[in-house]
Amino acid sequence: MGKLIRGLRREQAFTLVELMIVVAIVAILALLAVALYSGDTTAAVMAEGVAGAGAVRTALEVYQSQNGSYTGATMNNLQIASDALQGKYFAQTDYSLVTVTASTYLIKAGPPSLTSRPNMPYYELNQLGSELGTYYTNQ
């Protein structure tokens, strides 16, 4: 009976190989979780930029209806409230009008200056409502 008990004890222990496999699987799952979390936080930051660009677009449409064209529109004369574009990640100075003609405009939001993350994207929106995508600042 002594041999039977010793044999059972030996089968209950984990081998070093089994422990290494478990550690490797946990490490892979942790890397995946960090990558997914990082992408979600970037999307959350950019949602603020998209909302701010929408506010600038609305102000541009008001400007165009009052003046007959977009010509002459600047971030200073769009009558946007001083705190309307100030957020957690984006400052009012992170929004700009890249091009403005009589019938077209291009709004650029970002990269966000109030975050310490490097290589955050920026967002562009034109008069047609076309989102020109997000681009990383190191490109």
Protein backbone atom coordinates (compact mmCIF):
# COMPACT_ATOMS: atom_id res chain seq x y z
CA MET A 1 0.00 0.00 0.00
CA GLY A 2 2.97 2.32 0.54
CA LYS A 3 3.84 2.16 -3.17
CA LEU A 4 0.28 3.04 -4.12
CA ILE A 5 0.29 6.21 -1.98
CA ARG A 6 3.67 7.32 -3.33
CA GLY A 7 2.42 6.80 -6.89
CA LEU A 8 -0.66 8.93 -6.27
CA ARG A 9 1.36 11.76 -4.81
CA ARG A 10 3.64 11.82 -7.82
CA GLU A 11 0.68 12.10 -10.23
CA GLN A 12 -0.87 15.03 -8.33
CA ALA A 13 2.08 17.41 -8.83
CA PHE A 14 2.56 19.65 -11.87
CA THR A 15 5.67 19.22 -13.95
CA LEU A 16 7.86 22.17 -14.84
CA VAL A 17 6.79 21.89 -18.49
CA GLU A 18 3.12 22.12 -17.56
CA LEU A 19 3.73 25.21 -15.44
CA MET A 20 5.73 26.85 -18.24
CA ILE A 21 2.88 26.21 -20.70
CA VAL A 22 0.37 27.81 -18.34
CA VAL A 23 2.63 30.85 -17.82
CA ALA A 24 3.06 31.22 -21.59
CA ILE A 25 -0.71 31.10 -22.18
CA VAL A 26 -1.36 33.68 -19.47
CA ALA A 27 1.34 35.96 -20.95
CA ILE A 28 -0.21 35.75 -24.43
CA LEU A 29 -3.67 36.55 -23.06
CA ALA A 30 -2.26 39.52 -21.13
CA LEU A 31 -0.60 40.90 -24.28
CA LEU A 32 -3.86 40.61 -26.19
CA ALA A 33 -5.77 42.37 -23.41
CA VAL A 34 -3.28 45.27 -23.33
CA ALA A 35 -3.46 45.68 -27.12
CA LEU A 36 -7.26 45.71 -27.11
CA TYR A 37 -7.39 48.18 -24.21
CA SER A 38 -4.92 50.51 -25.90
CA GLY A 39 -7.03 50.60 -29.08
CA ASP A 40 -10.18 51.34 -27.09
CA THR A 41 -8.61 54.27 -25.28
CA THR A 42 -7.37 55.78 -28.56
CA ALA A 43 -10.90 55.50 -29.94
CA ALA A 44 -12.29 57.23 -26.84
CA VAL A 45 -9.80 60.09 -27.17
CA MET A 46 -10.64 60.52 -30.84
CA ALA A 47 -14.38 60.57 -30.11
CA GLU A 48 -13.78 63.89 -28.36
CA GLY A 49 -11.98 65.20 -31.45
CA VAL A 50 -14.81 64.10 -33.73
CA ALA A 51 -17.36 65.85 -31.50
CA GLY A 52 -15.30 69.05 -31.49
CA ALA A 53 -14.94 68.98 -35.28
CA GLY A 54 -18.73 68.64 -35.46
CA ALA A 55 -19.11 71.81 -33.38
CA VAL A 56 -16.76 73.67 -35.73
CA ARG A 57 -18.72 72.34 -38.72
CA THR A 58 -21.99 73.63 -37.26
CA ALA A 59 -20.42 77.05 -36.68
CA LEU A 60 -19.15 77.07 -40.28
CA GLU A 61 -22.63 76.31 -41.61
CA VAL A 62 -24.06 79.20 -39.57
CA TYR A 63 -21.28 81.47 -40.90
CA GLN A 64 -22.06 80.41 -44.49
CA SER A 65 -25.79 81.02 -44.07
CA GLN A 66 -25.12 84.53 -42.71
CA ASN A 67 -22.42 85.50 -45.23
CA GLY A 68 -23.30 83.53 -48.35
CA SER A 69 -19.97 81.67 -48.45
CA TYR A 70 -17.27 80.22 -46.24
CA THR A 71 -14.74 82.81 -47.41
CA GLY A 72 -13.25 84.74 -44.52
CA ALA A 73 -14.16 82.17 -41.89
CA THR A 74 -11.53 81.70 -39.20
CA MET A 75 -11.54 79.91 -35.88
CA ASN A 76 -11.63 83.36 -34.22
CA ASN A 77 -14.73 84.68 -35.99
CA LEU A 78 -16.93 81.57 -35.90
CA GLN A 79 -18.55 82.57 -32.60
CA ILE A 80 -17.80 79.29 -30.88
CA ALA A 81 -18.03 79.53 -27.10
CA SER A 82 -14.58 79.68 -25.51
CA ASP A 83 -15.09 76.45 -23.57
CA ALA A 84 -16.99 74.52 -26.27
CA LEU A 85 -13.85 72.98 -27.73
CA GLN A 86 -11.94 72.56 -24.47
CA GLY A 87 -12.08 68.94 -23.35
CA LYS A 88 -10.19 66.31 -21.46
CA TYR A 89 -7.82 65.53 -24.36
CA PHE A 90 -8.28 68.34 -26.89
CA ALA A 91 -7.64 72.05 -26.34
CA GLN A 92 -9.35 74.73 -28.38
CA THR A 93 -6.05 75.33 -30.18
CA ASP A 94 -6.06 71.72 -31.44
CA TYR A 95 -8.81 72.60 -33.95
CA SER A 96 -7.97 74.43 -37.16
CA LEU A 97 -9.37 75.29 -40.56
CA VAL A 98 -6.86 73.88 -43.02
CA THR A 99 -8.52 75.25 -46.15
CA VAL A 100 -11.45 77.61 -46.62
CA THR A 101 -12.84 78.68 -49.99
CA ALA A 102 -16.21 80.11 -51.02
CA SER A 103 -17.82 76.67 -51.09
CA THR A 104 -15.42 74.30 -49.34
CA TYR A 105 -13.61 73.87 -46.06
CA LEU A 106 -11.44 71.33 -44.28
CA ILE A 107 -11.44 71.07 -40.49
CA LYS A 108 -8.53 69.43 -38.70
CA ALA A 109 -8.87 68.20 -35.12
CA GLY A 110 -5.71 67.16 -33.36
CA PRO A 111 -3.45 65.65 -32.55
CA PRO A 112 -4.75 66.13 -29.01
CA SER A 113 -2.36 68.24 -26.94
CA LEU A 114 -3.79 67.46 -23.51
CA THR A 115 -2.66 63.83 -23.50
CA SER A 116 0.87 62.59 -23.02
CA ARG A 117 0.48 59.65 -25.39
CA PRO A 118 2.83 59.87 -28.38
CA ASN A 119 1.64 59.41 -31.96
CA MET A 120 -2.02 60.13 -31.34
CA PRO A 121 -4.01 60.52 -34.56
CA TYR A 122 -5.84 63.55 -35.86
CA TYR A 123 -9.19 63.80 -37.61
CA GLU A 124 -10.27 65.73 -40.69
CA LEU A 125 -13.76 66.64 -41.87
CA ASN A 126 -14.83 68.51 -45.01
CA GLN A 127 -17.96 70.39 -46.10
CA LEU A 128 -19.51 67.24 -47.56
CA GLY A 129 -19.34 65.53 -44.19
CA SER A 130 -16.63 63.23 -45.47
CA GLU A 131 -14.31 62.03 -42.77
CA LEU A 132 -10.89 61.92 -44.26
CA GLY A 133 -9.72 59.47 -41.66
CA THR A 134 -7.32 59.51 -38.80
CA TYR A 135 -3.66 59.83 -39.48
CA TYR A 136 -0.79 59.28 -37.12
CA THR A 137 1.44 62.26 -36.48
CA ASN A 138 4.67 60.41 -37.27
CA GLN A 139 3.68 59.74 -40.89
